Protein backbone atom coordinates (compact mmCIF):
# COMPACT_ATOMS: atom_id res chain seq x y z
CA MET A 1 14.25 -1.99 -4.01
CA SER A 2 15.67 -5.16 -2.54
CA ARG A 3 13.45 -7.91 -1.32
CA PRO A 4 14.28 -7.55 2.30
CA THR A 5 13.12 -3.90 2.24
CA MET A 6 9.93 -5.04 0.40
CA ARG A 7 9.23 -7.69 3.11
CA ALA A 8 10.02 -5.15 5.95
CA LEU A 9 7.42 -2.61 4.58
CA GLY A 10 4.86 -5.35 3.87
CA ALA A 11 5.20 -6.62 7.44
CA ALA A 12 4.99 -2.95 8.67
CA LEU A 13 1.72 -2.44 7.04
CA ALA A 14 0.50 -5.75 8.18
CA THR A 15 1.02 -5.14 11.72
CA GLY A 16 -0.78 -1.93 11.72
CA LEU A 17 2.18 0.41 12.14
CA VAL A 18 0.39 2.49 9.52
CA VAL A 19 -3.42 2.78 9.71
CA LEU A 20 -4.89 3.61 6.44
CA ALA A 21 -8.32 3.79 5.01
CA GLY A 22 -9.48 4.13 1.41
CA CYS A 23 -10.30 2.21 -1.64
CA ALA A 24 -8.27 0.67 -4.58
CA SER A 25 -8.12 2.48 -7.94
CA THR A 26 -6.78 1.68 -11.39
CA VAL A 27 -5.16 3.34 -14.29
CA SER A 28 -7.50 4.05 -17.15
CA GLY A 29 -6.99 1.38 -19.85
CA GLN A 30 -5.47 -1.46 -17.65
CA GLY A 31 -6.74 -4.26 -15.45
CA SER A 32 -6.90 -3.87 -11.76
CA PRO A 33 -6.54 -6.33 -8.93
CA ALA A 34 -10.27 -5.70 -8.07
CA ASP A 35 -11.26 -7.01 -11.43
CA GLY A 36 -8.87 -9.87 -11.79
CA GLY A 37 -6.28 -7.88 -13.68
CA ALA A 38 -7.07 -9.88 -16.71
CA PRO A 39 -4.50 -9.70 -19.37
CA ARG A 40 -5.58 -8.53 -22.98
CA PRO A 41 -5.05 -11.09 -25.83
CA GLY A 42 -1.79 -10.93 -27.65
CA GLY A 43 0.56 -10.94 -24.80
CA PRO A 44 2.85 -13.76 -23.65
CA SER A 45 1.35 -17.24 -22.78
CA GLY A 46 -0.55 -17.52 -19.57
CA GLU A 47 -4.32 -17.33 -18.73
CA ALA A 48 -5.92 -14.83 -16.35
CA PRO A 49 -8.28 -15.94 -13.68
CA LYS A 50 -11.92 -16.01 -14.83
CA PRO A 51 -14.14 -13.28 -13.69
CA GLY A 52 -15.48 -13.75 -10.22
CA GLU A 53 -12.91 -16.38 -9.27
CA ASN A 54 -10.72 -15.50 -6.31
CA LYS A 55 -10.23 -11.84 -6.83
CA PRO A 56 -7.25 -10.55 -4.89
CA ALA A 57 -7.76 -7.71 -2.45
CA TYR A 58 -5.51 -5.23 -0.97
CA MET A 59 -4.50 -5.73 2.74
CA LYS A 60 -6.66 -3.08 4.48
CA GLU A 61 -3.79 -1.28 5.82
CA ALA A 62 -2.50 -0.80 2.43
CA GLU A 63 -5.70 0.45 0.66
CA GLN A 64 -4.71 4.06 0.87
CA VAL A 65 -1.47 3.52 -0.77
CA ALA A 66 -3.07 1.44 -3.42
CA ALA A 67 -5.59 4.34 -4.14
CA ALA A 68 -2.78 6.83 -4.41
CA LEU A 69 -0.47 4.78 -6.63
CA PRO A 70 -2.33 5.13 -9.98
CA ALA A 71 -1.71 8.86 -10.17
CA THR A 72 1.98 8.37 -9.36
CA ARG A 73 2.50 5.96 -12.39
CA GLY A 74 1.72 8.81 -14.64
CA TRP A 75 4.94 10.45 -13.49
CA ASP A 76 8.45 10.40 -15.12
CA VAL A 77 10.68 9.88 -12.02
CA CYS A 78 13.87 10.59 -14.00
CA ALA A 79 12.50 13.85 -15.26
CA MET A 80 11.95 15.09 -11.72
CA HIS A 81 15.72 15.61 -11.33
CA ASP A 82 16.85 19.15 -11.86
CA LEU A 83 20.46 18.72 -13.06
CA PRO A 84 21.60 22.30 -12.79
CA ALA A 85 20.19 22.46 -9.22
CA LEU A 86 21.84 19.42 -8.28
CA GLN A 87 25.25 20.46 -9.64
CA ARG A 88 24.96 23.80 -7.54
CA ALA A 89 23.97 21.93 -4.47
CA SER A 90 26.76 19.19 -4.65
CA GLN A 91 29.38 21.42 -6.57
CA GLY A 92 29.83 18.40 -8.88
CA THR A 93 29.27 17.57 -12.47
CA ALA A 94 26.69 15.05 -13.62
CA ALA A 95 27.96 12.15 -15.08
CA TRP A 96 24.89 10.05 -15.91
CA ILE A 97 21.14 9.85 -15.10
CA ALA A 98 19.25 6.36 -15.07
CA PRO A 99 16.80 4.36 -12.94
CA LEU A 100 19.65 2.26 -11.66
CA SER A 101 17.69 -0.21 -9.17
CA SER A 102 13.97 0.39 -10.08
CA VAL A 103 11.52 1.81 -12.33
CA SER A 104 10.05 3.54 -9.14
CA SER A 105 13.46 5.55 -8.73
CA CYS A 106 16.02 7.42 -10.75
CA ASP A 107 19.78 8.20 -9.85
CA VAL A 108 22.09 10.83 -10.86
CA SER A 109 25.89 10.25 -10.38
CA LEU A 110 28.15 13.28 -10.15
CA ARG A 111 31.84 13.78 -10.65
CA ASP A 112 33.94 15.77 -8.20
CA GLY A 113 36.61 18.26 -9.22
CA ALA A 114 39.24 15.39 -9.79
CA GLY A 115 36.82 13.79 -12.22
CA LYS A 116 35.88 10.98 -9.83
CA GLU A 117 32.33 9.74 -9.29
CA THR A 118 31.66 10.38 -5.58
CA ILE A 119 28.14 11.66 -5.18
CA THR A 120 24.86 9.85 -6.15
CA ALA A 121 21.39 11.39 -5.80
CA LYS A 122 18.29 9.05 -5.83
CA LEU A 123 14.67 10.09 -6.09
CA GLU A 124 12.28 7.37 -5.55
CA VAL A 125 8.35 6.96 -5.08
CA LYS A 126 7.84 4.46 -2.32
CA VAL A 127 6.24 3.57 0.77
CA GLU A 128 8.15 5.09 3.77
CA LEU A 129 7.37 4.79 7.32
CA THR A 130 7.99 8.32 8.55
CA GLY A 131 6.68 8.24 12.01
CA ASP A 132 10.02 8.86 13.75
CA TRP A 133 11.17 11.28 11.03
CA GLU A 134 11.50 14.97 11.79
CA THR A 135 8.66 17.03 10.23
CA GLY A 136 8.73 20.61 9.07
CA LYS A 137 8.03 22.99 6.29
CA ILE A 138 10.16 24.45 3.45
CA ASN A 139 8.65 27.51 1.94
CA GLY A 140 5.36 26.50 3.45
CA VAL A 141 5.49 22.94 2.14
CA PRO A 142 5.35 19.99 4.61
CA VAL A 143 8.28 17.81 4.38
CA PHE A 144 10.05 15.01 6.27
CA ARG A 145 13.81 14.60 7.21
CA ALA A 146 15.26 11.36 8.55
CA LYS A 147 16.65 11.64 12.04
CA PRO A 148 20.21 10.44 12.71
CA VAL A 149 20.33 6.92 13.82
CA PRO A 150 21.52 6.69 17.59
CA GLY A 151 25.05 5.52 17.77
CA ALA A 152 25.59 5.91 14.00
CA PRO A 153 28.89 7.52 12.88
CA ALA A 154 28.79 11.27 12.32
CA PHE A 155 30.73 10.88 8.82
CA GLY A 156 29.54 8.77 5.80
CA VAL A 157 25.88 9.03 6.64
CA SER A 158 23.23 10.44 4.23
CA CYS A 159 20.37 12.70 5.26
CA PRO A 160 17.24 11.55 3.42
CA HIS A 161 14.36 14.14 2.77
CA ALA A 162 10.82 13.21 1.67
CA PHE A 163 7.86 14.87 0.20
CA PRO A 164 4.53 13.32 1.38
CA VAL A 165 2.14 12.15 -1.41
CA LYS A 166 -0.37 10.26 0.72
CA ALA A 167 0.83 8.75 3.90
CA PRO A 168 2.88 6.55 3.84
CA LEU A 169 3.53 7.04 0.27
CA VAL A 170 6.35 9.69 -0.49
CA VAL A 171 8.84 10.81 -2.95
CA LYS A 172 12.14 10.35 -1.26
CA LEU A 173 15.54 12.08 -1.94
CA ASP A 174 18.61 10.40 -0.65
CA ILE A 175 22.20 11.68 -1.69
CA THR A 176 25.19 9.67 -0.67
CA SER A 177 28.84 10.10 -1.06
CA VAL A 178 31.67 7.80 -1.14
CA SER A 179 33.95 10.47 0.33
CA ASN A 180 32.27 10.19 3.68
CA PRO A 181 31.59 13.83 4.54
CA PRO A 182 29.98 14.78 7.87
CA ARG A 183 26.16 14.21 8.07
CA ASP A 184 25.68 17.99 8.65
CA ALA A 185 27.16 18.55 5.36
CA MET A 186 24.99 15.89 3.68
CA CYS A 187 21.89 17.46 5.32
CA THR A 188 22.84 20.94 3.95
CA MET A 189 23.43 19.73 0.49
CA THR A 190 20.33 17.48 0.44
CA GLU A 191 18.13 20.27 1.75
CA LYS A 192 19.38 22.67 -0.74
CA TYR A 193 18.60 20.46 -3.68
CA PHE A 194 15.30 19.36 -2.12
CA THR A 195 14.21 22.87 -1.79
CA ASP A 196 14.90 23.65 -5.54
CA LEU A 197 12.94 20.40 -6.35
CA LEU A 198 9.79 21.05 -4.36
CA PRO A 199 7.94 22.93 -7.15
CA THR A 200 8.69 19.96 -9.40
CA LEU A 201 7.44 17.32 -6.70
CA GLN A 202 4.28 19.37 -6.30
CA ASN A 203 3.61 19.15 -9.99
CA PRO A 204 5.52 16.11 -11.40
CA PRO A 205 6.37 15.76 -14.97
CA ALA A 206 4.43 13.33 -16.99
CA ALA A 207 5.67 9.97 -18.41
CA GLY A 208 7.51 10.46 -21.64
CA SER A 209 9.49 13.38 -20.12
CA SER A 210 12.74 11.35 -20.49
CA GLN A 211 13.89 9.33 -23.42
CA PRO A 212 14.41 6.57 -24.35
CA ARG A 213 10.83 6.03 -23.20
CA ILE A 214 10.19 3.65 -20.31
CA SER A 215 7.42 1.38 -21.39
CA LEU A 216 6.78 0.28 -17.83
CA TYR A 217 5.56 3.66 -16.70
CA GLY A 218 1.83 3.45 -15.95
CA LYS A 219 1.57 -0.27 -15.47
CA ASP A 220 0.48 -1.91 -12.23
CA PRO A 221 2.54 -4.52 -10.67
CA CYS A 222 -0.18 -5.54 -8.29
CA ALA A 223 -2.42 -6.36 -11.07
CA ALA A 224 0.04 -8.69 -12.59
CA LEU A 225 -0.01 -10.70 -9.48
CA ALA A 226 -3.74 -11.46 -9.88
CA PRO A 227 -3.23 -14.64 -12.00
CA ILE A 228 -0.98 -16.02 -9.31
CA ALA A 229 -3.27 -14.85 -6.38
CA ALA A 230 -6.16 -16.77 -8.09
CA VAL A 231 -4.46 -20.15 -7.59
CA ALA A 232 -2.89 -19.44 -4.12
CA PRO A 233 -5.36 -17.37 -2.18
CA VAL A 234 -4.31 -18.76 1.32
CA SER A 235 -0.98 -19.92 2.93
CA ARG A 236 -0.26 -23.49 3.84
CA LYS A 237 -1.70 -22.44 7.48
CA GLY A 238 -5.02 -21.30 5.86
CA GLU A 239 -4.31 -17.57 6.31
CA PRO A 240 -5.71 -15.34 3.54
CA ARG A 241 -3.26 -13.49 1.32
CA PHE A 242 -3.41 -9.89 0.32
CA LEU A 243 -1.86 -7.53 -2.22
CA VAL A 244 0.70 -5.11 -0.47
CA PRO A 245 2.17 -2.36 -2.76
CA THR A 246 5.73 -1.17 -1.35
CA ALA A 247 6.59 1.38 -4.15
CA ALA A 248 5.13 2.74 -7.23
CA TYR A 249 6.34 -0.27 -9.24
CA ALA A 250 6.56 -3.11 -6.61
CA CYS A 251 4.00 -5.23 -4.87
CA GLU A 252 3.79 -8.52 -2.84
CA TRP A 253 1.13 -11.14 -2.40
CA ARG A 254 1.28 -12.16 1.35
CA THR A 255 -0.49 -12.86 4.39
CA LYS A 256 -0.31 -10.63 7.48
CA SER A 257 2.21 -12.83 9.26
CA GLU A 258 4.28 -14.50 6.38
CA PRO A 259 7.03 -12.98 4.19
CA GLY A 260 5.96 -12.22 0.64
CA TYR A 261 4.94 -15.40 -1.05
CA VAL A 262 5.31 -13.81 -4.40
CA SER A 263 6.81 -10.37 -5.06
CA ILE A 264 7.21 -8.47 -8.24
CA GLU A 265 9.07 -5.17 -9.12
CA PHE A 266 9.78 -3.42 -12.35
CA SER A 267 13.41 -2.88 -11.90
CA SER A 268 16.77 -2.42 -13.52
CA LEU A 269 18.49 -5.56 -14.81
CA MET A 270 22.13 -6.06 -15.48
CA ASP A 271 24.00 -9.24 -16.47
CA GLU A 272 20.97 -11.18 -15.70
CA GLY A 273 22.51 -14.82 -15.93
CA GLY A 274 20.61 -17.93 -15.03
CA GLN A 275 18.64 -20.32 -17.12
CA ARG A 276 16.81 -18.88 -20.16
CA VAL A 277 13.01 -18.99 -20.11
CA ARG A 278 10.79 -17.78 -23.04
CA PHE A 279 7.64 -15.80 -22.17
CA GLY A 280 6.01 -15.13 -25.52
CA ASN A 281 8.18 -12.74 -27.32
CA LEU A 282 10.32 -12.01 -24.30
CA THR A 283 13.35 -14.03 -22.99
CA GLY A 284 13.71 -14.06 -19.19
CA PHE A 285 16.15 -15.57 -16.78
CA ARG A 286 15.37 -18.03 -13.94
CA LYS A 287 17.72 -18.14 -10.98
CA PRO A 288 16.82 -20.84 -8.39
CA GLY A 289 18.12 -20.10 -4.97
CA GLY A 290 18.35 -21.70 -1.40
CA MET A 291 15.26 -19.82 -0.08
CA ASP A 292 13.37 -18.84 -3.30
CA CYS A 293 13.25 -18.62 -7.07
CA GLU A 294 13.89 -15.45 -9.02
CA TYR A 295 12.88 -14.57 -12.56
CA ARG A 296 14.27 -11.55 -14.37
CA VAL A 297 12.68 -10.44 -17.69
CA PRO A 298 14.07 -7.59 -19.64
CA VAL A 299 11.38 -5.45 -21.53
CA ASP A 300 12.99 -2.13 -22.75
CA PRO A 301 16.16 -1.69 -24.82
CA PRO A 302 19.47 -1.31 -22.99
CA ILE A 303 20.53 1.98 -21.51
CA ASN A 304 24.29 2.80 -21.70
CA PHE A 305 25.19 4.90 -18.67
CA LYS A 306 28.72 4.47 -17.94
CA PRO A 307 31.68 3.66 -20.35
CA GLY A 308 33.05 0.16 -19.63
CA GLN A 309 30.02 -0.97 -17.54
CA SER A 310 27.34 -3.20 -18.60
CA PRO A 311 24.13 -1.50 -19.73
CA ILE A 312 20.96 -1.59 -17.70
CA GLU A 313 17.82 -3.14 -19.07
CA LEU A 314 14.53 -2.22 -17.43
CA GLY A 315 12.26 -5.10 -16.92
CA ILE A 316 10.35 -7.42 -14.44
CA THR A 317 11.88 -9.17 -11.55
CA ILE A 318 9.56 -11.76 -9.89
CA LYS A 319 10.45 -13.70 -6.69
CA MET A 320 8.40 -16.73 -5.32
CA GLU A 321 8.97 -19.54 -2.94
CA LYS A 322 9.61 -22.19 -5.75
CA CYS A 323 10.17 -21.91 -9.38
CA ASP A 324 6.93 -22.06 -11.48
CA ASP A 325 7.46 -21.02 -15.15
CA ALA A 326 3.70 -21.10 -15.93
CA ALA A 327 2.84 -18.64 -12.91
CA ALA A 328 5.67 -16.35 -13.80
CA GLY A 329 4.45 -16.38 -17.41
CA GLN A 330 0.98 -15.22 -16.34
CA ALA A 331 2.40 -12.42 -14.27
CA VAL A 332 4.57 -11.35 -17.41
CA ALA A 333 1.52 -11.70 -19.55
CA SER A 334 -0.46 -9.20 -17.47
CA VAL A 335 2.37 -6.75 -17.38
CA VAL A 336 2.78 -6.82 -21.15
CA SER A 337 -0.92 -6.55 -21.99
CA GLN A 338 -1.30 -3.46 -19.77
CA SER A 339 -1.41 -0.13 -21.41
CA PRO A 340 1.62 2.15 -20.66
CA ALA A 341 1.17 5.63 -19.30
CA PRO A 342 0.46 8.16 -22.24
CA SER A 343 3.38 9.87 -23.58
CA THR A 344 2.61 13.53 -22.83
CA GLY A 345 6.09 14.64 -21.65
CA GLN A 346 8.30 17.70 -22.32
CA ALA A 347 9.12 19.09 -25.72
CA LYS A 348 12.84 18.56 -24.80
CA PRO A 349 12.99 15.26 -22.71
CA VAL A 350 15.67 14.30 -20.36
CA ARG A 351 18.08 11.99 -22.09
CA LEU A 352 18.84 8.85 -19.97
CA GLY A 353 22.33 7.45 -19.79
CA ALA A 354 25.73 9.00 -20.05
CA LEU A 355 25.71 12.91 -20.02
């Protein structure tokens, strides 16, 4: 997920477009924002806040999402895909499967009859404001479908569907095609595949159902912001900051009016570039920009998904207003110290990468 999207969702939650209630929860065996998210010993350098000091809280409008997220972090998003069903719906041949943008999501690319990769299907566990989406049922299961955008072209437009987890948290399916078919055709294709996926979405596969194993599954990005939150609890205007999760593996530390002061996402990295920075046993990359500073820290081994293309490396992306290696190191330390989701997946796991 790109940062503009994260900011937009955070702003929507902050302004009360979604009214939520609930309480924060935590994955067994790892720190939570409520208790300071303290890293365990042995991770990269960086100290967690002392107990009782500036404990970060979730924005009230985001508490219900926060309470629902721990369960979703035990899922294996890539193993949710059903390749035979997708190939039937698209009449294509699967070329590769990988979390191409974020650990919260997973993509499948398909070749057409000429051998060209023309279709991509993405599943993502995310916050989605579905107030203006169509609602209905498929085989008795409540679902959402995005309405066409007024004035948008009739061709080359996708038709996203979503399965509600706990409003506004959903599992979203979006199928796109570079051949620009009519939207009606995309809706037919997406609904056909989505219908076949519904039993899986109702009972998602556990982490470890795809290989190589994604070590970031089960970890809490909001907890990783606790060390930064402890030293920057308010904005320059004196407004209190809060945690706002925007996807299963994305979180912001922000006020109700400002963009994210700091954001973190467990994402897919490719050709990181930038200045090298050591965080304990990990090597990260710092990229100062005009508006903010970005850190990218690969964590898992590379996944080769396309011949001639650089592999992806799953890791941590941190964005903040200005570069601060110590603060970034504390967030990385918290992520590394958390326990991953138990590996209780399928006997025959989905193999990530080229197919």
